[in-house]
Structures are given as C-alpha cells and as structure tokens.
N, C-alpha and C. Protein backbone atom coordinates (compact mmCIF):
# COMPACT_ATOMS: atom_id res chain seq x y z
N UNK A 1 160.55 345.40 244.99
CA UNK A 1 160.12 344.50 246.06
C UNK A 1 160.49 343.20 246.28
N UNK A 2 160.62 342.81 247.53
CA UNK A 2 161.39 341.52 247.65
C UNK A 2 160.14 340.34 248.04
N UNK A 3 160.61 339.21 247.50
CA UNK A 3 159.77 338.02 247.40
C UNK A 3 160.08 337.38 248.63
N UNK A 4 160.93 337.73 249.64
CA UNK A 4 161.08 336.96 250.71
C UNK A 4 159.66 336.99 251.53
N UNK A 5 159.71 335.80 252.21
CA UNK A 5 158.50 335.67 253.36
C UNK A 5 158.86 336.40 254.58
N UNK A 6 157.94 337.23 254.98
CA UNK A 6 158.10 337.96 256.16
C UNK A 6 157.13 337.38 257.16
N UNK A 7 157.20 337.67 258.63
CA UNK A 7 156.13 337.43 259.47
C UNK A 7 154.90 338.51 259.19
N UNK A 8 155.28 339.76 258.96
CA UNK A 8 153.91 340.48 258.61
C UNK A 8 153.27 340.18 257.43
N UNK A 9 152.09 340.11 257.36
CA UNK A 9 151.37 340.01 256.19
C UNK A 9 151.66 341.24 255.04
N UNK A 10 151.25 340.78 253.89
CA UNK A 10 151.26 341.95 252.81
C UNK A 10 150.46 343.01 253.16
N UNK A 11 148.87 342.65 253.22
CA UNK A 11 148.03 343.73 253.37
C UNK A 11 147.71 343.58 254.91
N UNK A 12 147.50 344.70 255.56
CA UNK A 12 146.93 344.87 256.97
C UNK A 12 145.60 344.14 257.08
N UNK A 13 145.16 343.66 258.29
CA UNK A 13 143.88 343.32 258.39
C UNK A 13 142.87 344.50 258.05
N UNK A 14 142.08 344.29 257.23
CA UNK A 14 141.07 345.62 257.00
C UNK A 14 139.86 345.70 258.09
N UNK A 15 139.72 344.47 258.75
CA UNK A 15 138.54 344.89 260.05
C UNK A 15 139.43 345.17 261.23
N UNK A 16 140.51 345.32 261.29
CA UNK A 16 141.20 345.88 262.51
C UNK A 16 140.55 347.30 263.22
N UNK A 17 140.23 348.23 262.16
CA UNK A 17 140.08 349.51 262.68
C UNK A 17 138.33 349.11 263.19
N UNK A 18 137.66 348.51 262.50
CA UNK A 18 136.25 348.36 263.10
C UNK A 18 136.37 347.43 264.10
N UNK A 19 137.31 346.38 264.50
CA UNK A 19 137.33 345.81 265.73
C UNK A 19 137.57 346.67 266.83
N UNK A 20 138.55 347.63 266.58
CA UNK A 20 138.89 348.64 267.79
C UNK A 20 137.52 349.46 267.97
N UNK A 21 136.76 349.88 266.90
CA UNK A 21 135.81 350.64 267.20
C UNK A 21 134.80 350.05 267.94
N UNK A 22 134.57 348.75 267.68
CA UNK A 22 133.54 347.89 268.38
C UNK A 22 133.81 347.65 269.99
N UNK A 23 135.15 347.86 270.10
CA UNK A 23 135.64 347.65 271.63
C UNK A 23 135.43 349.04 272.33
N UNK A 24 135.24 350.06 271.73
CA UNK A 24 135.18 351.31 272.56
C UNK A 24 133.67 351.72 272.27
N UNK A 25 132.98 352.13 273.44
CA UNK A 25 131.50 352.42 273.26
C UNK A 25 131.48 354.03 272.55
N UNK A 26 132.57 354.82 273.17
CA UNK A 26 132.44 356.18 272.53
C UNK A 26 132.81 356.23 271.10
N UNK A 27 133.72 355.29 270.48
CA UNK A 27 134.06 355.56 269.22
C UNK A 27 132.91 354.77 268.43
N UNK A 28 132.29 353.77 268.95
CA UNK A 28 131.14 353.10 268.41
C UNK A 28 130.07 354.09 268.08
N UNK A 29 129.78 354.92 269.00
CA UNK A 29 128.81 355.93 269.04
C UNK A 29 129.25 357.26 267.94
N UNK A 30 130.27 357.41 267.81
CA UNK A 30 130.74 358.19 267.01
C UNK A 30 130.71 357.86 265.67
N UNK A 31 131.27 356.65 265.33
CA UNK A 31 131.10 355.87 264.10
C UNK A 31 129.66 355.96 263.47
N UNK A 32 128.74 355.44 264.50
CA UNK A 32 127.44 355.48 263.85
C UNK A 32 126.75 356.70 263.77
N UNK A 33 127.29 357.60 264.58
CA UNK A 33 126.77 359.12 264.27
C UNK A 33 127.23 359.68 262.97
N UNK A 34 128.21 359.19 262.30
CA UNK A 34 128.62 359.56 261.07
C UNK A 34 127.59 359.10 260.05
N UNK A 35 127.62 357.75 260.28
CA UNK A 35 126.55 356.99 259.24
C UNK A 35 125.32 357.59 259.44
N UNK A 36 124.80 358.03 260.56
CA UNK A 36 123.34 358.71 260.83
C UNK A 36 123.14 359.93 260.19
N UNK A 37 124.51 360.70 260.05
CA UNK A 37 124.52 361.93 259.38
C UNK A 37 124.34 361.78 257.97
N UNK A 38 125.01 360.78 257.30
CA UNK A 38 124.87 360.62 255.79
C UNK A 38 123.32 360.01 255.52
N UNK A 39 122.69 359.12 256.32
CA UNK A 39 121.63 358.64 255.88
C UNK A 39 120.54 359.70 256.19
N UNK A 40 120.70 360.81 257.24
CA UNK A 40 119.66 361.70 257.16
C UNK A 40 119.89 362.61 255.91
N UNK A 41 121.09 362.91 255.50
CA UNK A 41 121.18 363.58 254.33
C UNK A 41 120.64 363.15 253.22
N UNK A 42 120.78 361.81 253.02
CA UNK A 42 120.04 361.05 251.90
C UNK A 42 118.63 361.18 251.99
N UNK A 43 118.07 361.10 253.14
CA UNK A 43 116.72 360.82 253.36
C UNK A 43 116.15 362.36 252.78
N UNK A 44 116.73 363.48 253.58
CA UNK A 44 116.28 364.86 253.09
C UNK A 44 116.40 365.06 251.61
N UNK A 45 117.37 364.53 250.95
CA UNK A 45 117.40 364.83 249.63
C UNK A 45 116.33 363.94 248.70
N UNK A 46 116.26 362.54 249.41
CA UNK A 46 115.25 361.74 248.66
C UNK A 46 113.73 362.28 248.84
N UNK A 47 113.40 363.07 249.88
CA UNK A 47 112.16 363.60 250.01
C UNK A 47 111.91 364.70 249.23
N UNK A 48 112.96 365.41 248.96
CA UNK A 48 112.77 366.57 247.67
C UNK A 48 112.63 365.91 246.42
N UNK A 49 113.36 364.98 246.15
CA UNK A 49 113.14 364.30 244.88
C UNK A 49 111.81 363.35 245.09
N UNK A 50 111.23 363.03 246.00
CA UNK A 50 109.94 362.37 246.07
C UNK A 50 108.75 363.55 245.75
N UNK A 51 108.96 364.70 246.18
CA UNK A 51 108.08 365.67 246.15
C UNK A 51 108.08 366.31 244.54
N UNK A 52 109.16 366.31 244.02
CA UNK A 52 109.13 366.89 242.64
C UNK A 52 108.82 365.65 241.78
N UNK A 53 109.17 364.58 241.92
CA UNK A 53 108.55 363.57 241.29
C UNK A 53 107.16 363.38 241.02
N UNK A 54 106.63 363.43 242.12
CA UNK A 54 105.24 363.59 242.34
C UNK A 54 104.49 364.51 241.52
N UNK A 55 105.10 365.66 241.83
CA UNK A 55 104.40 367.01 240.75
C UNK A 55 104.60 366.55 239.37
N UNK A 56 105.79 366.12 238.96
CA UNK A 56 105.87 365.73 237.55
C UNK A 56 105.14 364.75 236.90
N UNK A 57 105.11 363.63 237.62
CA UNK A 57 104.40 362.41 237.23
C UNK A 57 102.88 362.64 237.22
N UNK A 58 102.44 363.32 238.37
CA UNK A 58 100.93 363.52 238.25
C UNK A 58 100.53 364.61 237.32
N UNK A 59 101.37 365.59 236.84
CA UNK A 59 101.20 366.56 236.17
C UNK A 59 101.41 365.91 234.51
N UNK A 60 101.90 365.04 234.26
CA UNK A 60 102.06 364.37 232.95
C UNK A 60 100.82 363.82 232.48
N UNK A 61 100.21 364.42 231.72
CA UNK A 61 98.90 364.10 231.00
C UNK A 61 99.04 363.62 229.66
N UNK A 62 98.55 362.57 229.15
CA UNK A 62 98.35 362.17 227.86
C UNK A 62 96.98 362.60 227.34
N UNK A 63 97.09 362.70 225.91
CA UNK A 63 95.80 363.41 225.42
C UNK A 63 94.85 362.11 225.25
N UNK A 64 93.60 362.24 225.82
CA UNK A 64 92.65 361.24 225.95
C UNK A 64 92.66 360.80 227.27
N UNK A 65 93.34 361.19 228.37
CA UNK A 65 93.29 360.70 229.64
C UNK A 65 92.01 360.92 230.26
N UNK A 66 91.49 360.17 230.96
CA UNK A 66 90.33 360.48 232.09
C UNK A 66 91.00 361.06 233.37
N UNK A 67 89.96 361.19 234.07
CA UNK A 67 90.37 362.04 235.37
C UNK A 67 90.90 360.67 236.04
N UNK A 68 92.21 360.92 236.90
CA UNK A 68 92.74 359.96 237.79
C UNK A 68 93.75 359.05 237.12
N UNK A 69 93.76 359.13 235.82
CA UNK A 69 94.64 358.08 235.04
C UNK A 69 96.09 358.54 235.41
N UNK A 70 96.71 359.81 235.22
CA UNK A 70 97.80 360.34 235.34
C UNK A 70 98.21 359.82 236.78
N UNK A 71 97.40 360.02 237.87
CA UNK A 71 97.66 359.52 239.20
C UNK A 71 98.01 358.19 239.40
N UNK A 72 97.29 357.35 238.62
CA UNK A 72 97.33 355.68 238.56
C UNK A 72 98.75 355.51 238.04
N UNK A 73 99.14 356.06 236.87
CA UNK A 73 100.35 355.67 236.20
C UNK A 73 101.59 356.32 237.21
N UNK A 74 101.43 357.26 237.87
CA UNK A 74 102.48 357.69 238.93
C UNK A 74 102.48 357.05 240.06
N UNK A 75 101.54 356.10 240.61
CA UNK A 75 101.62 355.64 241.79
C UNK A 75 102.66 354.71 241.88
N UNK A 76 102.97 353.58 240.99
CA UNK A 76 104.11 352.81 241.35
C UNK A 76 105.54 353.54 241.66
N UNK A 77 105.75 354.69 240.94
CA UNK A 77 107.00 355.52 241.04
C UNK A 77 106.98 356.21 242.37
N UNK A 78 105.93 356.61 242.92
CA UNK A 78 105.77 357.10 244.10
C UNK A 78 105.87 356.14 245.22
N UNK A 79 105.15 355.09 245.14
CA UNK A 79 105.30 354.08 245.95
C UNK A 79 106.57 353.50 246.28
N UNK A 80 107.68 353.27 245.04
CA UNK A 80 108.92 352.80 245.50
C UNK A 80 109.70 353.70 246.12
N UNK A 81 109.61 355.15 245.84
CA UNK A 81 110.23 355.93 246.71
C UNK A 81 109.88 356.08 248.12
N UNK A 82 108.71 355.91 248.37
CA UNK A 82 108.19 355.97 249.58
C UNK A 82 108.60 354.79 250.63
N UNK A 83 108.68 353.70 249.84
CA UNK A 83 109.45 352.28 250.46
C UNK A 83 110.72 352.73 250.85
N UNK A 84 111.36 353.40 249.97
CA UNK A 84 113.01 353.63 250.39
C UNK A 84 112.84 354.60 251.47
N UNK A 85 112.02 355.81 251.47
CA UNK A 85 111.97 356.62 252.60
C UNK A 85 111.73 355.91 253.92
N UNK A 86 110.74 355.09 253.82
CA UNK A 86 110.40 354.32 254.93
C UNK A 86 111.55 353.64 255.50
N UNK A 87 112.37 352.73 254.59
CA UNK A 87 113.23 352.20 255.07
C UNK A 87 114.66 353.02 255.25
N UNK A 88 114.54 354.02 255.01
CA UNK A 88 115.92 354.99 255.70
C UNK A 88 115.70 355.26 256.85
N UNK A 89 114.10 355.91 257.37
CA UNK A 89 113.65 356.25 258.52
C UNK A 89 114.02 355.08 259.71
N UNK A 90 113.69 353.90 259.30
CA UNK A 90 114.00 352.69 260.10
C UNK A 90 115.36 352.58 260.32
N UNK A 91 116.32 352.77 259.01
CA UNK A 91 117.76 352.50 259.59
C UNK A 91 118.15 353.51 260.62
N UNK A 92 117.56 354.87 260.26
CA UNK A 92 118.20 356.07 261.18
C UNK A 92 117.58 355.58 262.84
N UNK A 93 116.44 355.14 262.83
CA UNK A 93 116.16 354.73 264.24
C UNK A 93 116.95 353.70 264.67
N UNK A 94 117.25 352.58 263.71
CA UNK A 94 118.07 351.47 264.13
C UNK A 94 119.58 352.02 264.80
N UNK A 95 120.15 352.87 263.94
CA UNK A 95 121.30 353.36 264.16
C UNK A 95 121.38 354.12 265.71
N UNK A 96 120.63 354.91 265.87
CA UNK A 96 120.26 355.45 267.13
C UNK A 96 120.27 354.54 268.30
N UNK A 97 119.34 353.41 267.98
CA UNK A 97 118.89 352.45 269.04
C UNK A 97 120.22 351.67 269.23
N UNK A 98 120.95 351.28 268.31
CA UNK A 98 122.33 350.41 268.41
C UNK A 98 123.37 351.13 269.22
N UNK A 99 123.60 352.59 269.13
CA UNK A 99 124.31 353.31 269.96
C UNK A 99 123.98 353.12 271.38
N UNK A 100 122.72 353.49 271.60
CA UNK A 100 122.13 353.43 272.88
C UNK A 100 122.39 352.09 273.64
N UNK A 101 122.19 351.09 272.67
CA UNK A 101 122.27 349.64 273.31
C UNK A 101 123.88 349.54 273.84
N UNK A 102 124.55 349.66 272.92
CA UNK A 102 126.07 349.57 273.18
C UNK A 102 126.42 350.21 274.45
N UNK A 103 126.15 351.54 274.42
CA UNK A 103 126.40 352.22 275.64
C UNK A 103 125.57 351.46 276.99
N UNK A 104 124.58 350.92 276.80
CA UNK A 104 123.72 350.42 278.05
C UNK A 104 124.60 348.81 278.28
N UNK A 105 125.13 348.39 277.20
CA UNK A 105 125.89 347.00 277.50
C UNK A 105 127.05 347.42 278.34
N UNK A 106 127.94 348.24 278.07
CA UNK A 106 128.98 348.61 278.81
C UNK A 106 128.70 348.95 280.39
N UNK A 107 127.62 349.89 280.55
CA UNK A 107 127.00 350.22 281.94
C UNK A 107 126.84 348.95 282.69
N UNK A 108 125.96 347.94 282.07
CA UNK A 108 125.78 346.68 282.47
C UNK A 108 126.90 345.79 282.91
N UNK A 109 127.85 345.73 282.06
CA UNK A 109 129.06 345.21 282.35
C UNK A 109 129.81 345.73 283.76
N UNK A 110 129.83 347.13 283.87
CA UNK A 110 130.32 347.69 284.85
C UNK A 110 129.57 347.23 286.16
N UNK A 111 128.31 347.25 285.95
CA UNK A 111 127.43 346.99 287.17
C UNK A 111 127.49 345.52 287.57
N UNK A 112 127.56 344.57 286.75
CA UNK A 112 127.87 343.14 286.96
C UNK A 112 129.21 342.88 287.75
N UNK A 113 130.15 343.61 287.18
CA UNK A 113 131.50 343.50 287.92
C UNK A 113 131.41 344.21 289.46
N UNK A 114 130.72 345.08 289.70
CA UNK A 114 130.60 345.58 290.92
C UNK A 114 129.69 344.74 291.95
N UNK A 115 128.59 344.23 291.10
CA UNK A 115 127.88 343.37 292.03
C UNK A 115 128.50 342.08 292.37
N UNK A 116 129.26 341.46 291.55
CA UNK A 116 130.07 340.34 291.78
C UNK A 116 130.97 340.52 293.10
N UNK A 117 131.97 341.75 292.86
CA UNK A 117 132.88 342.02 293.99
C UNK A 117 132.09 342.20 295.25
N UNK A 118 130.92 342.90 295.06
CA UNK A 118 130.14 342.95 296.56
C UNK A 118 129.79 341.67 297.07
N UNK A 119 129.20 340.71 296.11
CA UNK A 119 128.68 339.21 296.56
C UNK A 119 129.99 338.50 297.12
N UNK A 120 131.10 338.68 296.58
CA UNK A 120 132.52 338.03 297.06
C UNK A 120 132.65 338.70 298.34
N UNK A 121 132.62 339.83 298.68
CA UNK A 121 132.99 340.48 299.67
C UNK A 121 131.96 340.10 301.02
N UNK A 122 130.64 339.89 300.66
CA UNK A 122 129.81 339.43 301.56
C UNK A 122 130.06 338.09 302.09
N UNK A 123 130.18 337.10 300.91
CA UNK A 123 130.54 335.64 300.92
C UNK A 123 131.87 335.69 301.92
N UNK A 124 132.96 336.32 301.70
CA UNK A 124 133.94 336.21 302.59
C UNK A 124 133.81 336.61 303.89
N UNK A 125 133.05 337.64 304.15
CA UNK A 125 132.64 338.06 305.54
C UNK A 125 131.72 337.04 306.21
N UNK A 126 131.09 336.47 305.51
CA UNK A 126 130.12 335.18 306.09
C UNK A 126 130.95 334.05 306.35
N UNK A 127 132.10 333.80 305.56
CA UNK A 127 132.91 332.52 305.84
C UNK A 127 133.77 332.80 306.73
N UNK A 128 134.37 334.08 307.01
CA UNK A 128 135.47 334.31 307.76
C UNK A 128 134.86 335.73 308.76
N UNK A 129 133.99 335.55 309.98
CA UNK A 129 133.73 336.56 310.62
C UNK A 129 134.57 337.03 311.40
N UNK A 130 134.64 338.27 311.69
CA UNK A 130 135.46 339.03 312.53
C UNK A 130 135.24 338.31 314.12
N UNK A 131 136.39 338.06 314.69
CA UNK A 131 136.08 337.43 316.00
C UNK A 131 136.03 338.74 316.98
N UNK A 132 134.94 338.88 317.94
CA UNK A 132 134.78 339.69 318.81
C UNK A 132 135.08 339.33 320.25
N UNK A 133 135.72 340.07 321.25
CA UNK A 133 135.69 339.40 322.67
C UNK A 133 134.22 339.61 323.19
N UNK A 134 134.22 338.66 323.69
CA UNK A 134 132.69 338.54 324.46
C UNK A 134 132.67 339.37 325.83
N UNK A 135 131.73 340.05 326.12
CA UNK A 135 131.62 340.84 327.30
C UNK A 135 131.91 339.97 328.41
N UNK A 136 132.58 340.42 329.44
CA UNK A 136 132.71 339.61 330.68
C UNK A 136 131.38 339.55 331.51
N UNK A 137 131.08 338.46 331.88
CA UNK A 137 129.60 338.42 332.77
C UNK A 137 130.23 338.58 334.22
N UNK A 138 129.57 339.56 334.61
CA UNK A 138 129.77 339.88 336.18
C UNK A 138 129.30 338.93 337.20
N UNK A 139 128.19 338.33 336.74
CA UNK A 139 127.26 337.42 337.52
C UNK A 139 128.10 336.26 337.90
N UNK A 140 128.92 335.88 336.85
CA UNK A 140 129.81 334.49 337.03
C UNK A 140 130.86 334.91 338.13
N UNK A 141 131.05 335.86 338.22
CA UNK A 141 132.09 336.09 339.46
C UNK A 141 131.58 336.37 340.75
N UNK A 142 130.41 336.30 340.88
CA UNK A 142 129.76 336.42 342.18
C UNK A 142 129.32 337.81 342.36
N UNK A 143 129.36 338.71 341.39
CA UNK A 143 128.60 340.20 341.46
C UNK A 143 127.47 339.94 340.47
N UNK A 144 126.29 340.24 341.07
CA UNK A 144 125.24 340.02 340.06
C UNK A 144 125.22 341.31 339.31
N UNK A 145 124.86 341.26 338.01
CA UNK A 145 124.54 342.49 336.98
C UNK A 145 123.07 343.02 337.25
N UNK A 146 123.10 344.17 336.90
CA UNK A 146 121.56 344.86 336.87
C UNK A 146 120.83 344.27 335.62
N UNK A 147 121.50 344.12 334.44
CA UNK A 147 120.68 343.84 333.27
C UNK A 147 121.36 342.48 333.00
N UNK A 148 120.61 341.38 332.96
CA UNK A 148 121.37 339.78 332.89
C UNK A 148 121.00 339.60 331.61
N UNK A 149 119.92 340.15 330.77
CA UNK A 149 119.60 339.71 329.30
C UNK A 149 119.39 338.19 329.19
N UNK A 150 119.91 337.75 328.48
CA UNK A 150 119.98 336.10 327.86
C UNK A 150 120.73 335.14 328.78
N UNK A 151 121.73 335.88 329.29
CA UNK A 151 122.67 335.08 329.75
C UNK A 151 122.13 334.61 331.47
N UNK A 152 121.24 335.40 331.82
CA UNK A 152 120.84 335.36 333.26
C UNK A 152 119.81 334.18 333.51
N UNK A 153 119.52 334.01 334.91
CA UNK A 153 118.68 332.91 335.27
C UNK A 153 117.38 332.77 334.61
N UNK A 154 116.66 331.89 334.12
CA UNK A 154 115.31 332.10 333.67
C UNK A 154 114.01 331.76 334.66
N UNK A 155 114.46 331.41 335.90
CA UNK A 155 113.45 331.09 336.69
C UNK A 155 113.95 331.41 338.15
N UNK A 156 113.28 331.55 339.13
CA UNK A 156 113.90 331.56 340.62
C UNK A 156 114.45 330.18 341.02
N UNK A 157 114.29 329.21 340.39
CA UNK A 157 114.99 327.98 340.89
C UNK A 157 116.26 327.89 340.47
N UNK A 158 116.48 328.99 339.30
CA UNK A 158 117.89 328.74 338.78
C UNK A 158 119.02 329.75 339.48
N UNK A 159 118.42 330.58 340.53
CA UNK A 159 119.22 331.33 341.08
C UNK A 159 120.54 330.70 341.85
N UNK A 160 120.26 329.70 342.33
CA UNK A 160 121.31 328.86 343.16
C UNK A 160 121.60 329.46 344.44
N UNK A 161 122.62 330.11 344.78
CA UNK A 161 122.74 330.53 346.26
C UNK A 161 122.35 331.97 346.51
N UNK A 162 121.98 332.62 345.44
CA UNK A 162 121.78 334.00 345.38
C UNK A 162 120.31 334.18 345.89
N UNK A 163 120.09 335.18 346.50
CA UNK A 163 118.67 335.40 347.01
C UNK A 163 118.02 336.33 345.91
N UNK A 164 116.57 335.86 346.21
CA UNK A 164 115.63 336.22 345.08
C UNK A 164 114.91 337.43 345.62
N UNK A 165 114.37 338.12 344.53
CA UNK A 165 113.90 339.61 344.89
C UNK A 165 112.59 339.38 345.94
C-alpha cells in the first residue's frame, strides 16, 4: 500500500448510505420497516420469555413461605420485563409514525411548490393583465344602441340632441 496522499479519503463516509436513505421517502420507509420487523420479532420472543419467567418465578417456593411471598419475590423480575416490552411497543409505534410523517413531509413540500407556483401565476396575471379591445359604442357614432348599460346617459337631460322616449 502506498503512503502517498490522494484526494479520496482512506475510508468512505459511513453516513453516506443513511444520508441517501433520508433523502428518499420510499427508501426511508423501507429502512424503518426492516427495523420494525426486527423489533416486532424481539417483542414476540420477549413476550414468550416473560410468560415463562412468570411461571417459573411464581412457582419457585422456598420452604416456610407464606402465601404470596413467591409472587412478591418474582414481582421485580416481571416488572423489569414489562418495562422493556412497553418500551418496545412504543418504539414500534414510533417507527410507524416516523415513516408516515416522512411521507407526509414530502407531500407537503410538493403541495407548497404547487401553491407557490399558483400564487406567482396569479400575481403575474394581476400585474400584467391581458389587454382586451373595448367594444365599439354605437351611440357615440350617432346610432343609438338598444342596451346602453353603464355607458349610456343617466338622465333625460344627458340625452343631448337625441329624442327622449
């Protein structure tokens, strides 16, 4: 092996693969699904272990025990395993929630892009409206129109030389 310096580091970046996974929502969900399977498998095996431990610890009696003393001795062991199982259940729920939140984040980013483009188009139309040719008024040319609308005279005194009804 050469001791010359090269531009490439000796070891590749260990976080590069995770960086790419974080950028792709489908890869992110797939990666978390793998963890989810492992955690669920651990949870199932620990539940079996919990049941077997409970049976063994509660069944272990010492000569001279009163009623309930075996249970009281087994309680700390059972409690510690119950705590672990509770934490695993919250971890599985957190993994599922994280995958959904990551997908929702990408959807929201797409939506924001779309909304901003629409706002920009509306603003552009507002600042540069299309010029439309105004309809020619026939009453200005001496021929009265049947529907004058807003452009017509507002009272009989505004008729000028024309005859009133």
